[in-house]
Amino acid sequence: MYNKYESRWNLIQEILELQKQYHKLYTSSKITKSAICELVVPFRDKYELSDVEALNIAKEFCSMERIVRLAEKLFP
């Protein structure tokens, strides 16, 4: 099992990858509600986030401070 710092780091890496994939999808001509759901829902479910929280993270609408607070909340 990971310690809390490794878990937090893994979360941040997953967020960066999610944002990268969302940006790639957004800049392609293939962006659909279905494609967004396919990308964001597994992340949302894994971390038990709301739809709005997960989508805001994917769209880079969350500050780094908010992401750090989320990591601290998920892995105290």
PDB file of N, CA and C in Angstrom:
ATOM      1  N   MET A   1       0.844  -1.188   0.000  1.00  0.00           N
ATOM      2  CA  MET A   1       0.000   0.000   0.000  1.00  0.00           C
ATOM      3  C   MET A   1       0.883   1.242   0.000  1.00  0.00           C
ATOM      4  N   TYR A   2       0.433   2.254  -0.698  1.00  0.00           N
ATOM      5  CA  TYR A   2       1.170   3.505  -0.762  1.00  0.00           C
ATOM      6  C   TYR A   2       0.993   4.291   0.525  1.00  0.00           C
ATOM      7  N   ASN A   3       2.008   5.092   0.871  1.00  0.00           N
ATOM      8  CA  ASN A   3       1.790   6.023   1.970  1.00  0.00           C
ATOM      9  C   ASN A   3       1.032   7.224   1.412  1.00  0.00           C
ATOM     10  N   LYS A   4       0.612   8.107   2.303  1.00  0.00           N
ATOM     11  CA  LYS A   4      -0.254   9.200   1.857  1.00  0.00           C
ATOM     12  C   LYS A   4       0.428  10.121   0.851  1.00  0.00           C
ATOM     13  N   TYR A   5       1.739  10.299   0.969  1.00  0.00           N
ATOM     14  CA  TYR A   5       2.428  11.197   0.037  1.00  0.00           C
ATOM     15  C   TYR A   5       2.523  10.581  -1.354  1.00  0.00           C
ATOM     16  N   GLU A   6       2.763   9.285  -1.415  1.00  0.00           N
ATOM     17  CA  GLU A   6       2.775   8.611  -2.715  1.00  0.00           C
ATOM     18  C   GLU A   6       1.389   8.633  -3.342  1.00  0.00           C
ATOM     19  N   SER A   7       0.367   8.424  -2.528  1.00  0.00           N
ATOM     20  CA  SER A   7      -1.007   8.449  -3.024  1.00  0.00           C
ATOM     21  C   SER A   7      -1.373   9.830  -3.546  1.00  0.00           C
ATOM     22  N   ARG A   8      -0.967  10.862  -2.826  1.00  0.00           N
ATOM     23  CA  ARG A   8      -1.236  12.233  -3.270  1.00  0.00           C
ATOM     24  C   ARG A   8      -0.516  12.507  -4.585  1.00  0.00           C
ATOM     25  N   TRP A   9       0.731  12.075  -4.672  1.00  0.00           N
ATOM     26  CA  TRP A   9       1.506  12.281  -5.893  1.00  0.00           C
ATOM     27  C   TRP A   9       0.854  11.545  -7.069  1.00  0.00           C
ATOM     28  N   ASN A  10       0.393  10.311  -6.825  1.00  0.00           N
ATOM     29  CA  ASN A  10      -0.275   9.546  -7.879  1.00  0.00           C
ATOM     30  C   ASN A  10      -1.542  10.254  -8.349  1.00  0.00           C
ATOM     31  N   LEU A  11      -2.296  10.831  -7.413  1.00  0.00           N
ATOM     32  CA  LEU A  11      -3.492  11.581  -7.768  1.00  0.00           C
ATOM     33  C   LEU A  11      -3.127  12.763  -8.661  1.00  0.00           C
ATOM     34  N   ILE A  12      -2.104  13.497  -8.290  1.00  0.00           N
ATOM     35  CA  ILE A  12      -1.690  14.658  -9.087  1.00  0.00           C
ATOM     36  C   ILE A  12      -1.247  14.216 -10.482  1.00  0.00           C
ATOM     37  N   GLN A  13      -0.545  13.108 -10.571  1.00  0.00           N
ATOM     38  CA  GLN A  13      -0.140  12.599 -11.880  1.00  0.00           C
ATOM     39  C   GLN A  13      -1.357  12.196 -12.714  1.00  0.00           C
ATOM     40  N   GLU A  14      -2.351  11.580 -12.074  1.00  0.00           N
ATOM     41  CA  GLU A  14      -3.579  11.211 -12.778  1.00  0.00           C
ATOM     42  C   GLU A  14      -4.331  12.447 -13.255  1.00  0.00           C
ATOM     43  N   ILE A  15      -4.346  13.481 -12.436  1.00  0.00           N
ATOM     44  CA  ILE A  15      -5.001  14.729 -12.826  1.00  0.00           C
ATOM     45  C   ILE A  15      -4.307  15.330 -14.038  1.00  0.00           C
ATOM     46  N   LEU A  16      -2.993  15.355 -14.020  1.00  0.00           N
ATOM     47  CA  LEU A  16      -2.251  15.897 -15.164  1.00  0.00           C
ATOM     48  C   LEU A  16      -2.542  15.107 -16.433  1.00  0.00           C
ATOM     49  N   GLU A  17      -2.620  13.794 -16.321  1.00  0.00           N
ATOM     50  CA  GLU A  17      -2.923  12.958 -17.478  1.00  0.00           C
ATOM     51  C   GLU A  17      -4.364  13.191 -17.945  1.00  0.00           C
ATOM     52  N   LEU A  18      -5.296  13.297 -17.005  1.00  0.00           N
ATOM     53  CA  LEU A  18      -6.690  13.582 -17.351  1.00  0.00           C
ATOM     54  C   LEU A  18      -6.799  14.908 -18.093  1.00  0.00           C
ATOM     55  N   GLN A  19      -6.106  15.927 -17.596  1.00  0.00           N
ATOM     56  CA  GLN A  19      -6.137  17.242 -18.241  1.00  0.00           C
ATOM     57  C   GLN A  19      -5.515  17.194 -19.631  1.00  0.00           C
ATOM     58  N   LYS A  20      -4.450  16.448 -19.765  1.00  0.00           N
ATOM     59  CA  LYS A  20      -3.796  16.297 -21.069  1.00  0.00           C
ATOM     60  C   LYS A  20      -4.741  15.620 -22.062  1.00  0.00           C
ATOM     61  N   GLN A  21      -5.403  14.554 -21.618  1.00  0.00           N
ATOM     62  CA  GLN A  21      -6.326  13.830 -22.493  1.00  0.00           C
ATOM     63  C   GLN A  21      -7.564  14.679 -22.821  1.00  0.00           C
ATOM     64  N   TYR A  22      -8.040  15.444 -21.850  1.00  0.00           N
ATOM     65  CA  TYR A  22      -9.187  16.321 -22.111  1.00  0.00           C
ATOM     66  C   TYR A  22      -8.807  17.388 -23.148  1.00  0.00           C
ATOM     67  N   HIS A  23      -7.636  17.977 -22.977  1.00  0.00           N
ATOM     68  CA  HIS A  23      -7.176  19.007 -23.927  1.00  0.00           C
ATOM     69  C   HIS A  23      -7.059  18.420 -25.336  1.00  0.00           C
ATOM     70  N   LYS A  24      -6.515  17.218 -25.419  1.00  0.00           N
ATOM     71  CA  LYS A  24      -6.383  16.542 -26.713  1.00  0.00           C
ATOM     72  C   LYS A  24      -7.764  16.313 -27.332  1.00  0.00           C
ATOM     73  N   LEU A  25      -8.710  15.871 -26.515  1.00  0.00           N
ATOM     74  CA  LEU A  25     -10.072  15.652 -26.992  1.00  0.00           C
ATOM     75  C   LEU A  25     -10.721  16.970 -27.410  1.00  0.00           C
ATOM     76  N   TYR A  26     -10.527  18.000 -26.604  1.00  0.00           N
ATOM     77  CA  TYR A  26     -11.124  19.309 -26.868  1.00  0.00           C
ATOM     78  C   TYR A  26     -10.629  19.911 -28.182  1.00  0.00           C
ATOM     79  N   THR A  27      -9.352  19.736 -28.463  1.00  0.00           N
ATOM     80  CA  THR A  27      -8.785  20.314 -29.675  1.00  0.00           C
ATOM     81  C   THR A  27      -9.027  19.459 -30.916  1.00  0.00           C
ATOM     82  N   SER A  28      -9.531  18.248 -30.706  1.00  0.00           N
ATOM     83  CA  SER A  28      -9.864  17.402 -31.858  1.00  0.00           C
ATOM     84  C   SER A  28     -11.287  17.716 -32.305  1.00  0.00           C
ATOM     85  N   SER A  29     -11.663  17.159 -33.387  1.00  0.00           N
ATOM     86  CA  SER A  29     -13.039  17.352 -33.864  1.00  0.00           C
ATOM     87  C   SER A  29     -13.946  16.251 -33.317  1.00  0.00           C
ATOM     88  N   LYS A  30     -13.436  15.467 -32.375  1.00  0.00           N
ATOM     89  CA  LYS A  30     -14.179  14.304 -31.875  1.00  0.00           C
ATOM     90  C   LYS A  30     -14.804  14.540 -30.505  1.00  0.00           C
ATOM     91  N   ILE A  31     -14.885  15.784 -30.054  1.00  0.00           N
ATOM     92  CA  ILE A  31     -15.422  16.034 -28.726  1.00  0.00           C
ATOM     93  C   ILE A  31     -16.945  15.909 -28.737  1.00  0.00           C
ATOM     94  N   THR A  32     -17.417  14.978 -27.929  1.00  0.00           N
ATOM     95  CA  THR A  32     -18.851  14.751 -27.767  1.00  0.00           C
ATOM     96  C   THR A  32     -19.106  14.542 -26.279  1.00  0.00           C
ATOM     97  N   LYS A  33     -20.353  14.638 -25.902  1.00  0.00           N
ATOM     98  CA  LYS A  33     -20.713  14.381 -24.508  1.00  0.00           C
ATOM     99  C   LYS A  33     -20.295  12.965 -24.115  1.00  0.00           C
ATOM    100  N   SER A  34     -20.501  12.035 -25.007  1.00  0.00           N
ATOM    101  CA  SER A  34     -20.141  10.640 -24.765  1.00  0.00           C
ATOM    102  C   SER A  34     -18.628  10.478 -24.556  1.00  0.00           C
ATOM    103  N   ALA A  35     -17.844  11.149 -25.381  1.00  0.00           N
ATOM    104  CA  ALA A  35     -16.382  11.059 -25.270  1.00  0.00           C
ATOM    105  C   ALA A  35     -15.889  11.687 -23.963  1.00  0.00           C
ATOM    106  N   ILE A  36     -16.516  12.791 -23.576  1.00  0.00           N
ATOM    107  CA  ILE A  36     -16.149  13.432 -22.310  1.00  0.00           C
ATOM    108  C   ILE A  36     -16.477  12.507 -21.142  1.00  0.00           C
ATOM    109  N   CYS A  37     -17.667  11.927 -21.184  1.00  0.00           N
ATOM    110  CA  CYS A  37     -18.065  11.002 -20.114  1.00  0.00           C
ATOM    111  C   CYS A  37     -17.123   9.808 -20.031  1.00  0.00           C
ATOM    112  N   GLU A  38     -16.761   9.276 -21.180  1.00  0.00           N
ATOM    113  CA  GLU A  38     -15.846   8.136 -21.235  1.00  0.00           C
ATOM    114  C   GLU A  38     -14.504   8.468 -20.573  1.00  0.00           C
ATOM    115  N   LEU A  39     -14.067   9.684 -20.729  1.00  0.00           N
ATOM    116  CA  LEU A  39     -12.797  10.125 -20.162  1.00  0.00           C
ATOM    117  C   LEU A  39     -12.912  10.460 -18.678  1.00  0.00           C
ATOM    118  N   VAL A  40     -13.960  11.183 -18.294  1.00  0.00           N
ATOM    119  CA  VAL A  40     -14.041  11.763 -16.946  1.00  0.00           C
ATOM    120  C   VAL A  40     -14.689  10.828 -15.912  1.00  0.00           C
ATOM    121  N   VAL A  41     -15.666  10.041 -16.318  1.00  0.00           N
ATOM    122  CA  VAL A  41     -16.422   9.217 -15.359  1.00  0.00           C
ATOM    123  C   VAL A  41     -15.541   8.226 -14.585  1.00  0.00           C
ATOM    124  N   PRO A  42     -14.607   7.507 -15.204  1.00  0.00           N
ATOM    125  CA  PRO A  42     -13.769   6.602 -14.404  1.00  0.00           C
ATOM    126  C   PRO A  42     -12.966   7.345 -13.322  1.00  0.00           C
ATOM    127  N   PHE A  43     -12.464   8.528 -13.643  1.00  0.00           N
ATOM    128  CA  PHE A  43     -11.733   9.341 -12.664  1.00  0.00           C
ATOM    129  C   PHE A  43     -12.679   9.775 -11.550  1.00  0.00           C
ATOM    130  N   ARG A  44     -13.870  10.245 -11.936  1.00  0.00           N
ATOM    131  CA  ARG A  44     -14.880  10.671 -10.960  1.00  0.00           C
ATOM    132  C   ARG A  44     -15.229   9.531 -10.004  1.00  0.00           C
ATOM    133  N   ASP A  45     -15.472   8.356 -10.555  1.00  0.00           N
ATOM    134  CA  ASP A  45     -15.856   7.208  -9.736  1.00  0.00           C
ATOM    135  C   ASP A  45     -14.720   6.741  -8.827  1.00  0.00           C
ATOM    136  N   LYS A  46     -13.519   6.734  -9.355  1.00  0.00           N
ATOM    137  CA  LYS A  46     -12.366   6.272  -8.563  1.00  0.00           C
ATOM    138  C   LYS A  46     -12.171   7.120  -7.315  1.00  0.00           C
ATOM    139  N   TYR A  47     -12.362   8.423  -7.445  1.00  0.00           N
ATOM    140  CA  TYR A  47     -12.114   9.324  -6.317  1.00  0.00           C
ATOM    141  C   TYR A  47     -13.398   9.847  -5.671  1.00  0.00           C
ATOM    142  N   GLU A  48     -14.533   9.264  -6.066  1.00  0.00           N
ATOM    143  CA  GLU A  48     -15.838   9.604  -5.487  1.00  0.00           C
ATOM    144  C   GLU A  48     -16.104  11.110  -5.518  1.00  0.00           C
ATOM    145  N   LEU A  49     -15.914  11.681  -6.682  1.00  0.00           N
ATOM    146  CA  LEU A  49     -16.137  13.110  -6.885  1.00  0.00           C
ATOM    147  C   LEU A  49     -17.505  13.332  -7.510  1.00  0.00           C
ATOM    148  N   SER A  50     -17.971  14.552  -7.449  1.00  0.00           N
ATOM    149  CA  SER A  50     -19.199  14.894  -8.160  1.00  0.00           C
ATOM    150  C   SER A  50     -18.858  15.084  -9.637  1.00  0.00           C
ATOM    151  N   ASP A  51     -19.893  15.095 -10.463  1.00  0.00           N
ATOM    152  CA  ASP A  51     -19.689  15.344 -11.896  1.00  0.00           C
ATOM    153  C   ASP A  51     -18.997  16.684 -12.114  1.00  0.00           C
ATOM    154  N   VAL A  52     -19.464  17.704 -11.385  1.00  0.00           N
ATOM    155  CA  VAL A  52     -18.918  19.053 -11.547  1.00  0.00           C
ATOM    156  C   VAL A  52     -17.453  19.101 -11.126  1.00  0.00           C
ATOM    157  N   GLU A  53     -17.119  18.478  -9.997  1.00  0.00           N
ATOM    158  CA  GLU A  53     -15.723  18.479  -9.534  1.00  0.00           C
ATOM    159  C   GLU A  53     -14.818  17.818 -10.563  1.00  0.00           C
ATOM    160  N   ALA A  54     -15.206  16.650 -11.038  1.00  0.00           N
ATOM    161  CA  ALA A  54     -14.379  15.911 -11.993  1.00  0.00           C
ATOM    162  C   ALA A  54     -14.218  16.679 -13.306  1.00  0.00           C
ATOM    163  N   LEU A  55     -15.307  17.252 -13.791  1.00  0.00           N
ATOM    164  CA  LEU A  55     -15.236  17.999 -15.040  1.00  0.00           C
ATOM    165  C   LEU A  55     -14.408  19.276 -14.882  1.00  0.00           C
ATOM    166  N   ASN A  56     -14.548  19.948 -13.757  1.00  0.00           N
ATOM    167  CA  ASN A  56     -13.742  21.150 -13.515  1.00  0.00           C
ATOM    168  C   ASN A  56     -12.255  20.823 -13.453  1.00  0.00           C
ATOM    169  N   ILE A  57     -11.922  19.682 -12.870  1.00  0.00           N
ATOM    170  CA  ILE A  57     -10.522  19.261 -12.836  1.00  0.00           C
ATOM    171  C   ILE A  57     -10.036  18.977 -14.259  1.00  0.00           C
ATOM    172  N   ALA A  58     -10.824  18.245 -15.023  1.00  0.00           N
ATOM    173  CA  ALA A  58     -10.433  17.915 -16.399  1.00  0.00           C
ATOM    174  C   ALA A  58     -10.256  19.166 -17.244  1.00  0.00           C
ATOM    175  N   LYS A  59     -11.129  20.155 -17.041  1.00  0.00           N
ATOM    176  CA  LYS A  59     -11.073  21.385 -17.830  1.00  0.00           C
ATOM    177  C   LYS A  59     -10.062  22.393 -17.290  1.00  0.00           C
ATOM    178  N   GLU A  60      -9.337  22.019 -16.255  1.00  0.00           N
ATOM    179  CA  GLU A  60      -8.331  22.882 -15.628  1.00  0.00           C
ATOM    180  C   GLU A  60      -8.956  24.140 -15.022  1.00  0.00           C
ATOM    181  N   PHE A  61     -10.172  24.003 -14.503  1.00  0.00           N
ATOM    182  CA  PHE A  61     -10.841  25.113 -13.837  1.00  0.00           C
ATOM    183  C   PHE A  61     -10.492  25.177 -12.350  1.00  0.00           C
ATOM    184  N   CYS A  62      -9.766  24.174 -11.847  1.00  0.00           N
ATOM    185  CA  CYS A  62      -9.393  24.130 -10.432  1.00  0.00           C
ATOM    186  C   CYS A  62      -7.964  24.626 -10.262  1.00  0.00           C
ATOM    187  N   SER A  63      -7.767  25.417  -9.240  1.00  0.00           N
ATOM    188  CA  SER A  63      -6.424  25.906  -8.944  1.00  0.00           C
ATOM    189  C   SER A  63      -5.586  24.776  -8.347  1.00  0.00           C
ATOM    190  N   MET A  64      -4.296  24.967  -8.343  1.00  0.00           N
ATOM    191  CA  MET A  64      -3.406  23.980  -7.739  1.00  0.00           C
ATOM    192  C   MET A  64      -3.719  23.841  -6.244  1.00  0.00           C
ATOM    193  N   GLU A  65      -4.063  24.953  -5.616  1.00  0.00           N
ATOM    194  CA  GLU A  65      -4.424  24.909  -4.192  1.00  0.00           C
ATOM    195  C   GLU A  65      -5.615  23.982  -3.975  1.00  0.00           C
ATOM    196  N   ARG A  66      -6.611  24.078  -4.829  1.00  0.00           N
ATOM    197  CA  ARG A  66      -7.810  23.231  -4.714  1.00  0.00           C
ATOM    198  C   ARG A  66      -7.454  21.765  -4.929  1.00  0.00           C
ATOM    199  N   ILE A  67      -6.573  21.491  -5.862  1.00  0.00           N
ATOM    200  CA  ILE A  67      -6.146  20.117  -6.124  1.00  0.00           C
ATOM    201  C   ILE A  67      -5.376  19.559  -4.935  1.00  0.00           C
ATOM    202  N   VAL A  68      -4.518  20.361  -4.349  1.00  0.00           N
ATOM    203  CA  VAL A  68      -3.763  19.919  -3.172  1.00  0.00           C
ATOM    204  C   VAL A  68      -4.720  19.636  -2.013  1.00  0.00           C
ATOM    205  N   ARG A  69      -5.712  20.507  -1.813  1.00  0.00           N
ATOM    206  CA  ARG A  69      -6.700  20.269  -0.746  1.00  0.00           C
ATOM    207  C   ARG A  69      -7.477  18.985  -1.001  1.00  0.00           C
ATOM    208  N   LEU A  70      -7.804  18.710  -2.256  1.00  0.00           N
ATOM    209  CA  LEU A  70      -8.491  17.482  -2.600  1.00  0.00           C
ATOM    210  C   LEU A  70      -7.613  16.269  -2.264  1.00  0.00           C
ATOM    211  N   ALA A  71      -6.338  16.334  -2.617  1.00  0.00           N
ATOM    212  CA  ALA A  71      -5.404  15.237  -2.319  1.00  0.00           C
ATOM    213  C   ALA A  71      -5.298  15.016  -0.815  1.00  0.00           C
ATOM    214  N   GLU A  72      -5.245  16.101  -0.057  1.00  0.00           N
ATOM    215  CA  GLU A  72      -5.165  15.986   1.403  1.00  0.00           C
ATOM    216  C   GLU A  72      -6.445  15.398   1.980  1.00  0.00           C
ATOM    217  N   LYS A  73      -7.585  15.748   1.390  1.00  0.00           N
ATOM    218  CA  LYS A  73      -8.871  15.216   1.857  1.00  0.00           C
ATOM    219  C   LYS A  73      -8.994  13.719   1.558  1.00  0.00           C
ATOM    220  N   LEU A  74      -8.568  13.326   0.345  1.00  0.00           N
ATOM    221  CA  LEU A  74      -8.674  11.934  -0.052  1.00  0.00           C
ATOM    222  C   LEU A  74      -7.655  11.037   0.650  1.00  0.00           C
ATOM    223  N   PHE A  75      -6.496  11.601   0.950  1.00  0.00           N
ATOM    224  CA  PHE A  75      -5.409  10.815   1.566  1.00  0.00           C
ATOM    225  C   PHE A  75      -4.865  11.555   2.791  1.00  0.00           C
ATOM    226  N   PRO A  76      -5.646  11.563   3.887  1.00  0.00           N
ATOM    227  CA  PRO A  76      -5.229  12.316   5.099  1.00  0.00           C
ATOM    228  C   PRO A  76      -3.996  11.719   5.773  1.00  0.00           C
TER     229      PRO A  76
END
